[in-house]
């Protein structure tokens, strides 16, 4: 999440600098499109990692149902 915020703030600063140099008051639409694409890519990678993590838990806990409960409790409490 910290990397995502850093990336977003960097892109906003770059976009604002480009807009002020070109005389515009807003962000360039190409910068916004790139920002949206990068945000989507980052979120997709996060989701992929979460799914992989849960698949690993499911596979390792296949013979012990209470194992999944312990994992849930550890992650969310």
PDB file of N, CA and C in Angstrom:
ATOM      1  N   UNK A   1       0.827  -1.185   0.000  1.00  0.00           N
ATOM      2  CA  UNK A   1       0.000   0.000   0.000  1.00  0.00           C
ATOM      3  C   UNK A   1       0.876   1.255   0.000  1.00  0.00           C
ATOM      4  N   UNK A   2       1.982   1.199   0.762  1.00  0.00           N
ATOM      5  CA  UNK A   2       2.875   2.349   0.824  1.00  0.00           C
ATOM      6  C   UNK A   2       3.490   2.629  -0.549  1.00  0.00           C
ATOM      7  N   UNK A   3       3.844   1.560  -1.269  1.00  0.00           N
ATOM      8  CA  UNK A   3       4.409   1.731  -2.610  1.00  0.00           C
ATOM      9  C   UNK A   3       3.388   2.372  -3.543  1.00  0.00           C
ATOM     10  N   UNK A   4       2.134   1.948  -3.406  1.00  0.00           N
ATOM     11  CA  UNK A   4       1.070   2.494  -4.246  1.00  0.00           C
ATOM     12  C   UNK A   4       0.896   3.985  -3.984  1.00  0.00           C
ATOM     13  N   UNK A   5       0.877   4.378  -2.717  1.00  0.00           N
ATOM     14  CA  UNK A   5       0.723   5.793  -2.382  1.00  0.00           C
ATOM     15  C   UNK A   5       1.910   6.616  -2.879  1.00  0.00           C
ATOM     16  N   UNK A   6       3.108   6.059  -2.747  1.00  0.00           N
ATOM     17  CA  UNK A   6       4.298   6.752  -3.242  1.00  0.00           C
ATOM     18  C   UNK A   6       4.226   6.926  -4.752  1.00  0.00           C
ATOM     19  N   UNK A   7       3.820   5.872  -5.439  1.00  0.00           N
ATOM     20  CA  UNK A   7       3.687   5.931  -6.894  1.00  0.00           C
ATOM     21  C   UNK A   7       2.648   6.967  -7.300  1.00  0.00           C
ATOM     22  N   UNK A   8       1.510   6.950  -6.636  1.00  0.00           N
ATOM     23  CA  UNK A   8       0.448   7.901  -6.965  1.00  0.00           C
ATOM     24  C   UNK A   8       0.888   9.339  -6.721  1.00  0.00           C
ATOM     25  N   UNK A   9       1.528   9.587  -5.584  1.00  0.00           N
ATOM     26  CA  UNK A   9       1.953  10.957  -5.297  1.00  0.00           C
ATOM     27  C   UNK A   9       3.020  11.420  -6.286  1.00  0.00           C
ATOM     28  N   UNK A  10       3.927  10.530  -6.660  1.00  0.00           N
ATOM     29  CA  UNK A  10       4.959  10.882  -7.638  1.00  0.00           C
ATOM     30  C   UNK A  10       4.331  11.230  -8.979  1.00  0.00           C
ATOM     31  N   UNK A  11       3.380  10.422  -9.401  1.00  0.00           N
ATOM     32  CA  UNK A  11       2.729  10.691 -10.682  1.00  0.00           C
ATOM     33  C   UNK A  11       1.918  11.980 -10.642  1.00  0.00           C
ATOM     34  N   UNK A  12       1.290  12.258  -9.529  1.00  0.00           N
ATOM     35  CA  UNK A  12       0.539  13.508  -9.416  1.00  0.00           C
ATOM     36  C   UNK A  12       1.464  14.718  -9.459  1.00  0.00           C
ATOM     37  N   UNK A  13       2.602  14.609  -8.806  1.00  0.00           N
ATOM     38  CA  UNK A  13       3.571  15.713  -8.825  1.00  0.00           C
ATOM     39  C   UNK A  13       4.101  15.925 -10.239  1.00  0.00           C
ATOM     40  N   UNK A  14       4.443  14.832 -10.912  1.00  0.00           N
ATOM     41  CA  UNK A  14       4.933  14.937 -12.293  1.00  0.00           C
ATOM     42  C   UNK A  14       3.854  15.526 -13.190  1.00  0.00           C
ATOM     43  N   UNK A  15       2.634  15.064 -13.025  1.00  0.00           N
ATOM     44  CA  UNK A  15       1.526  15.580 -13.828  1.00  0.00           C
ATOM     45  C   UNK A  15       1.275  17.047 -13.577  1.00  0.00           C
ATOM     46  N   UNK A  16       1.340  17.464 -12.319  1.00  0.00           N
ATOM     47  CA  UNK A  16       1.130  18.873 -11.989  1.00  0.00           C
ATOM     48  C   UNK A  16       2.251  19.729 -12.572  1.00  0.00           C
ATOM     49  N   UNK A  17       3.477  19.222 -12.520  1.00  0.00           N
ATOM     50  CA  UNK A  17       4.603  19.965 -13.086  1.00  0.00           C
ATOM     51  C   UNK A  17       4.449  20.094 -14.597  1.00  0.00           C
ATOM     52  N   UNK A  18       4.049  19.024 -15.244  1.00  0.00           N
ATOM     53  CA  UNK A  18       3.846  19.077 -16.696  1.00  0.00           C
ATOM     54  C   UNK A  18       2.726  20.041 -17.054  1.00  0.00           C
ATOM     55  N   UNK A  19       1.668  20.054 -16.278  1.00  0.00           N
ATOM     56  CA  UNK A  19       0.541  20.942 -16.553  1.00  0.00           C
ATOM     57  C   UNK A  19       0.939  22.397 -16.365  1.00  0.00           C
ATOM     58  N   UNK A  20       1.730  22.676 -15.333  1.00  0.00           N
ATOM     59  CA  UNK A  20       2.116  24.066 -15.101  1.00  0.00           C
ATOM     60  C   UNK A  20       3.105  24.546 -16.159  1.00  0.00           C
ATOM     61  N   UNK A  21       3.968  23.663 -16.641  1.00  0.00           N
ATOM     62  CA  UNK A  21       4.918  24.036 -17.691  1.00  0.00           C
ATOM     63  C   UNK A  21       4.180  24.322 -18.992  1.00  0.00           C
ATOM     64  N   UNK A  22       3.159  23.516 -19.268  1.00  0.00           N
ATOM     65  CA  UNK A  22       2.423  23.713 -20.512  1.00  0.00           C
ATOM     66  C   UNK A  22       1.384  24.820 -20.396  1.00  0.00           C
ATOM     67  N   UNK A  23       1.246  25.397 -19.220  1.00  0.00           N
ATOM     68  CA  UNK A  23       0.307  26.499 -19.036  1.00  0.00           C
ATOM     69  C   UNK A  23      -1.082  26.059 -18.643  1.00  0.00           C
ATOM     70  N   UNK A  24      -1.290  24.770 -18.492  1.00  0.00           N
ATOM     71  CA  UNK A  24      -2.607  24.275 -18.100  1.00  0.00           C
ATOM     72  C   UNK A  24      -2.788  24.288 -16.595  1.00  0.00           C
ATOM     73  N   UNK A  25      -4.036  24.262 -16.184  1.00  0.00           N
ATOM     74  CA  UNK A  25      -4.321  24.252 -14.754  1.00  0.00           C
ATOM     75  C   UNK A  25      -4.589  22.841 -14.231  1.00  0.00           C
ATOM     76  N   UNK A  26      -4.964  21.924 -15.107  1.00  0.00           N
ATOM     77  CA  UNK A  26      -5.292  20.563 -14.670  1.00  0.00           C
ATOM     78  C   UNK A  26      -4.242  19.578 -15.111  1.00  0.00           C
ATOM     79  N   UNK A  27      -4.471  18.316 -14.758  1.00  0.00           N
ATOM     80  CA  UNK A  27      -3.557  17.262 -15.169  1.00  0.00           C
ATOM     81  C   UNK A  27      -3.858  16.845 -16.603  1.00  0.00           C
ATOM     82  N   UNK A  28      -2.836  16.468 -17.310  1.00  0.00           N
ATOM     83  CA  UNK A  28      -2.978  15.983 -18.678  1.00  0.00           C
ATOM     84  C   UNK A  28      -3.741  14.657 -18.660  1.00  0.00           C
ATOM     85  N   UNK A  29      -4.626  14.461 -19.622  1.00  0.00           N
ATOM     86  CA  UNK A  29      -5.435  13.235 -19.638  1.00  0.00           C
ATOM     87  C   UNK A  29      -4.570  11.995 -19.834  1.00  0.00           C
ATOM     88  N   UNK A  30      -3.448  12.112 -20.551  1.00  0.00           N
ATOM     89  CA  UNK A  30      -2.554  10.966 -20.719  1.00  0.00           C
ATOM     90  C   UNK A  30      -1.940  10.555 -19.388  1.00  0.00           C
ATOM     91  N   UNK A  31      -1.604  11.554 -18.563  1.00  0.00           N
ATOM     92  CA  UNK A  31      -1.040  11.261 -17.245  1.00  0.00           C
ATOM     93  C   UNK A  31      -2.082  10.553 -16.390  1.00  0.00           C
ATOM     94  N   UNK A  32      -3.329  11.031 -16.447  1.00  0.00           N
ATOM     95  CA  UNK A  32      -4.399  10.387 -15.685  1.00  0.00           C
ATOM     96  C   UNK A  32      -4.639   8.965 -16.173  1.00  0.00           C
ATOM     97  N   UNK A  33      -4.619   8.759 -17.492  1.00  0.00           N
ATOM     98  CA  UNK A  33      -4.801   7.415 -18.036  1.00  0.00           C
ATOM     99  C   UNK A  33      -3.691   6.485 -17.562  1.00  0.00           C
ATOM    100  N   UNK A  34      -2.446   6.966 -17.610  1.00  0.00           N
ATOM    101  CA  UNK A  34      -1.320   6.163 -17.140  1.00  0.00           C
ATOM    102  C   UNK A  34      -1.457   5.861 -15.653  1.00  0.00           C
ATOM    103  N   UNK A  35      -1.880   6.858 -14.893  1.00  0.00           N
ATOM    104  CA  UNK A  35      -2.060   6.684 -13.457  1.00  0.00           C
ATOM    105  C   UNK A  35      -3.123   5.628 -13.174  1.00  0.00           C
ATOM    106  N   UNK A  36      -4.221   5.684 -13.904  1.00  0.00           N
ATOM    107  CA  UNK A  36      -5.286   4.699 -13.719  1.00  0.00           C
ATOM    108  C   UNK A  36      -4.808   3.298 -14.100  1.00  0.00           C
ATOM    109  N   UNK A  37      -4.068   3.196 -15.192  1.00  0.00           N
ATOM    110  CA  UNK A  37      -3.551   1.891 -15.621  1.00  0.00           C
ATOM    111  C   UNK A  37      -2.601   1.315 -14.576  1.00  0.00           C
ATOM    112  N   UNK A  38      -1.718   2.164 -14.054  1.00  0.00           N
ATOM    113  CA  UNK A  38      -0.766   1.686 -13.054  1.00  0.00           C
ATOM    114  C   UNK A  38      -1.473   1.295 -11.763  1.00  0.00           C
ATOM    115  N   UNK A  39      -2.505   2.046 -11.388  1.00  0.00           N
ATOM    116  CA  UNK A  39      -3.280   1.708 -10.198  1.00  0.00           C
ATOM    117  C   UNK A  39      -3.957   0.361 -10.376  1.00  0.00           C
ATOM    118  N   UNK A  40      -4.522   0.135 -11.545  1.00  0.00           N
ATOM    119  CA  UNK A  40      -5.184  -1.139 -11.828  1.00  0.00           C
ATOM    120  C   UNK A  40      -4.178  -2.281 -11.787  1.00  0.00           C
ATOM    121  N   UNK A  41      -3.000  -2.068 -12.355  1.00  0.00           N
ATOM    122  CA  UNK A  41      -1.971  -3.110 -12.365  1.00  0.00           C
ATOM    123  C   UNK A  41      -1.539  -3.443 -10.937  1.00  0.00           C
ATOM    124  N   UNK A  42      -1.331  -2.412 -10.119  1.00  0.00           N
ATOM    125  CA  UNK A  42      -0.903  -2.632  -8.734  1.00  0.00           C
ATOM    126  C   UNK A  42      -1.978  -3.393  -7.962  1.00  0.00           C
ATOM    127  N   UNK A  43      -3.232  -2.980  -8.117  1.00  0.00           N
ATOM    128  CA  UNK A  43      -4.322  -3.661  -7.406  1.00  0.00           C
ATOM    129  C   UNK A  43      -4.484  -5.099  -7.888  1.00  0.00           C
ATOM    130  N   UNK A  44      -4.306  -5.324  -9.176  1.00  0.00           N
ATOM    131  CA  UNK A  44      -4.403  -6.685  -9.712  1.00  0.00           C
ATOM    132  C   UNK A  44      -3.297  -7.570  -9.137  1.00  0.00           C
ATOM    133  N   UNK A  45      -2.098  -7.025  -9.008  1.00  0.00           N
ATOM    134  CA  UNK A  45      -0.992  -7.787  -8.422  1.00  0.00           C
ATOM    135  C   UNK A  45      -1.274  -8.104  -6.957  1.00  0.00           C
ATOM    136  N   UNK A  46      -1.834  -7.133  -6.218  1.00  0.00           N
ATOM    137  CA  UNK A  46      -2.180  -7.368  -4.819  1.00  0.00           C
ATOM    138  C   UNK A  46      -3.210  -8.491  -4.706  1.00  0.00           C
ATOM    139  N   UNK A  47      -4.234  -8.450  -5.554  1.00  0.00           N
ATOM    140  CA  UNK A  47      -5.265  -9.490  -5.538  1.00  0.00           C
ATOM    141  C   UNK A  47      -4.678 -10.854  -5.889  1.00  0.00           C
ATOM    142  N   UNK A  48      -3.785 -10.871  -6.874  1.00  0.00           N
ATOM    143  CA  UNK A  48      -3.147 -12.125  -7.284  1.00  0.00           C
ATOM    144  C   UNK A  48      -2.344 -12.716  -6.125  1.00  0.00           C
ATOM    145  N   UNK A  49      -1.619 -11.860  -5.406  1.00  0.00           N
ATOM    146  CA  UNK A  49      -0.828 -12.322  -4.265  1.00  0.00           C
ATOM    147  C   UNK A  49      -1.723 -12.833  -3.140  1.00  0.00           C
ATOM    148  N   UNK A  50      -2.846 -12.141  -2.899  1.00  0.00           N
ATOM    149  CA  UNK A  50      -3.777 -12.596  -1.859  1.00  0.00           C
ATOM    150  C   UNK A  50      -4.352 -13.960  -2.214  1.00  0.00           C
ATOM    151  N   UNK A  51      -4.757 -14.115  -3.476  1.00  0.00           N
ATOM    152  CA  UNK A  51      -5.310 -15.404  -3.911  1.00  0.00           C
ATOM    153  C   UNK A  51      -4.278 -16.520  -3.771  1.00  0.00           C
ATOM    154  N   UNK A  52      -3.055 -16.240  -4.177  1.00  0.00           N
ATOM    155  CA  UNK A  52      -1.997 -17.251  -4.079  1.00  0.00           C
ATOM    156  C   UNK A  52      -1.744 -17.623  -2.622  1.00  0.00           C
ATOM    157  N   UNK A  53      -1.759 -16.637  -1.762  1.00  0.00           N
ATOM    158  CA  UNK A  53      -1.549 -16.881  -0.338  1.00  0.00           C
ATOM    159  C   UNK A  53      -2.646 -17.770   0.231  1.00  0.00           C
ATOM    160  N   UNK A  54      -3.894 -17.451  -0.107  1.00  0.00           N
ATOM    161  CA  UNK A  54      -5.007 -18.266   0.396  1.00  0.00           C
ATOM    162  C   UNK A  54      -4.997 -19.659  -0.218  1.00  0.00           C
ATOM    163  N   UNK A  55      -4.595 -19.786  -1.463  1.00  0.00           N
ATOM    164  CA  UNK A  55      -4.488 -21.115  -2.070  1.00  0.00           C
ATOM    165  C   UNK A  55      -3.444 -21.957  -1.341  1.00  0.00           C
ATOM    166  N   UNK A  56      -2.344 -21.319  -0.952  1.00  0.00           N
ATOM    167  CA  UNK A  56      -1.314 -22.026  -0.190  1.00  0.00           C
ATOM    168  C   UNK A  56      -1.858 -22.483   1.157  1.00  0.00           C
ATOM    169  N   UNK A  57      -2.614 -21.599   1.827  1.00  0.00           N
ATOM    170  CA  UNK A  57      -3.214 -21.960   3.115  1.00  0.00           C
ATOM    171  C   UNK A  57      -4.181 -23.117   2.923  1.00  0.00           C
ATOM    172  N   UNK A  58      -5.032 -23.015   1.909  1.00  0.00           N
ATOM    173  CA  UNK A  58      -6.007 -24.074   1.644  1.00  0.00           C
ATOM    174  C   UNK A  58      -5.315 -25.418   1.387  1.00  0.00           C
ATOM    175  N   UNK A  59      -4.259 -25.383   0.606  1.00  0.00           N
ATOM    176  CA  UNK A  59      -3.538 -26.625   0.300  1.00  0.00           C
ATOM    177  C   UNK A  59      -2.842 -27.198   1.533  1.00  0.00           C
ATOM    178  N   UNK A  60      -2.238 -26.331   2.325  1.00  0.00           N
ATOM    179  CA  UNK A  60      -1.521 -26.820   3.504  1.00  0.00           C
ATOM    180  C   UNK A  60      -2.469 -27.244   4.620  1.00  0.00           C
ATOM    181  N   UNK A  61      -3.698 -26.735   4.611  1.00  0.00           N
ATOM    182  CA  UNK A  61      -4.667 -27.052   5.664  1.00  0.00           C
ATOM    183  C   UNK A  61      -5.751 -28.014   5.185  1.00  0.00           C
ATOM    184  N   UNK A  62      -5.524 -28.688   4.097  1.00  0.00           N
ATOM    185  CA  UNK A  62      -6.581 -29.526   3.522  1.00  0.00           C
ATOM    186  C   UNK A  62      -7.025 -30.656   4.451  1.00  0.00           C
ATOM    187  N   UNK A  63      -6.127 -31.133   5.297  1.00  0.00           N
ATOM    188  CA  UNK A  63      -6.487 -32.236   6.188  1.00  0.00           C
ATOM    189  C   UNK A  63      -6.907 -31.765   7.583  1.00  0.00           C
ATOM    190  N   UNK A  64      -6.838 -30.454   7.849  1.00  0.00           N
ATOM    191  CA  UNK A  64      -7.178 -29.930   9.174  1.00  0.00           C
ATOM    192  C   UNK A  64      -8.006 -28.651   9.033  1.00  0.00           C
ATOM    193  N   UNK A  65      -9.333 -28.747   9.097  1.00  0.00           N
ATOM    194  CA  UNK A  65     -10.192 -27.566   8.922  1.00  0.00           C
ATOM    195  C   UNK A  65      -9.933 -26.455   9.945  1.00  0.00           C
ATOM    196  N   UNK A  66      -9.521 -26.813  11.154  1.00  0.00           N
ATOM    197  CA  UNK A  66      -9.271 -25.777  12.159  1.00  0.00           C
ATOM    198  C   UNK A  66      -8.045 -24.937  11.802  1.00  0.00           C
ATOM    199  N   UNK A  67      -7.218 -25.441  10.925  1.00  0.00           N
ATOM    200  CA  UNK A  67      -6.036 -24.700  10.470  1.00  0.00           C
ATOM    201  C   UNK A  67      -6.448 -23.415   9.751  1.00  0.00           C
ATOM    202  N   UNK A  68      -7.469 -23.497   8.922  1.00  0.00           N
ATOM    203  CA  UNK A  68      -7.949 -22.310   8.205  1.00  0.00           C
ATOM    204  C   UNK A  68      -8.512 -21.294   9.192  1.00  0.00           C
ATOM    205  N   UNK A  69      -9.245 -21.776  10.195  1.00  0.00           N
ATOM    206  CA  UNK A  69      -9.778 -20.876  11.224  1.00  0.00           C
ATOM    207  C   UNK A  69      -8.643 -20.157  11.939  1.00  0.00           C
ATOM    208  N   UNK A  70      -7.589 -20.887  12.300  1.00  0.00           N
ATOM    209  CA  UNK A  70      -6.440 -20.258  12.971  1.00  0.00           C
ATOM    210  C   UNK A  70      -5.802 -19.204  12.069  1.00  0.00           C
ATOM    211  N   UNK A  71      -5.684 -19.506  10.800  1.00  0.00           N
ATOM    212  CA  UNK A  71      -5.096 -18.551   9.850  1.00  0.00           C
ATOM    213  C   UNK A  71      -5.945 -17.289   9.752  1.00  0.00           C
ATOM    214  N   UNK A  72      -7.260 -17.462   9.656  1.00  0.00           N
ATOM    215  CA  UNK A  72      -8.164 -16.306   9.616  1.00  0.00           C
ATOM    216  C   UNK A  72      -8.036 -15.471  10.879  1.00  0.00           C
ATOM    217  N   UNK A  73      -8.014 -16.139  12.005  1.00  0.00           N
ATOM    218  CA  UNK A  73      -7.915 -15.439  13.288  1.00  0.00           C
ATOM    219  C   UNK A  73      -6.598 -14.667  13.374  1.00  0.00           C
ATOM    220  N   UNK A  74      -5.521 -15.287  12.919  1.00  0.00           N
ATOM    221  CA  UNK A  74      -4.209 -14.639  12.962  1.00  0.00           C
ATOM    222  C   UNK A  74      -4.165 -13.408  12.052  1.00  0.00           C
ATOM    223  N   UNK A  75      -4.766 -13.504  10.882  1.00  0.00           N
ATOM    224  CA  UNK A  75      -4.708 -12.397   9.922  1.00  0.00           C
ATOM    225  C   UNK A  75      -5.620 -11.237  10.278  1.00  0.00           C
ATOM    226  N   UNK A  76      -6.776 -11.528  10.837  1.00  0.00           N
ATOM    227  CA  UNK A  76      -7.792 -10.488  10.974  1.00  0.00           C
ATOM    228  C   UNK A  76      -8.134 -10.113  12.406  1.00  0.00           C
ATOM    229  N   UNK A  77      -7.433 -10.661  13.389  1.00  0.00           N
ATOM    230  CA  UNK A  77      -7.704 -10.257  14.774  1.00  0.00           C
ATOM    231  C   UNK A  77      -6.470  -9.746  15.439  1.00  0.00           C
TER     232      UNK A  77
END
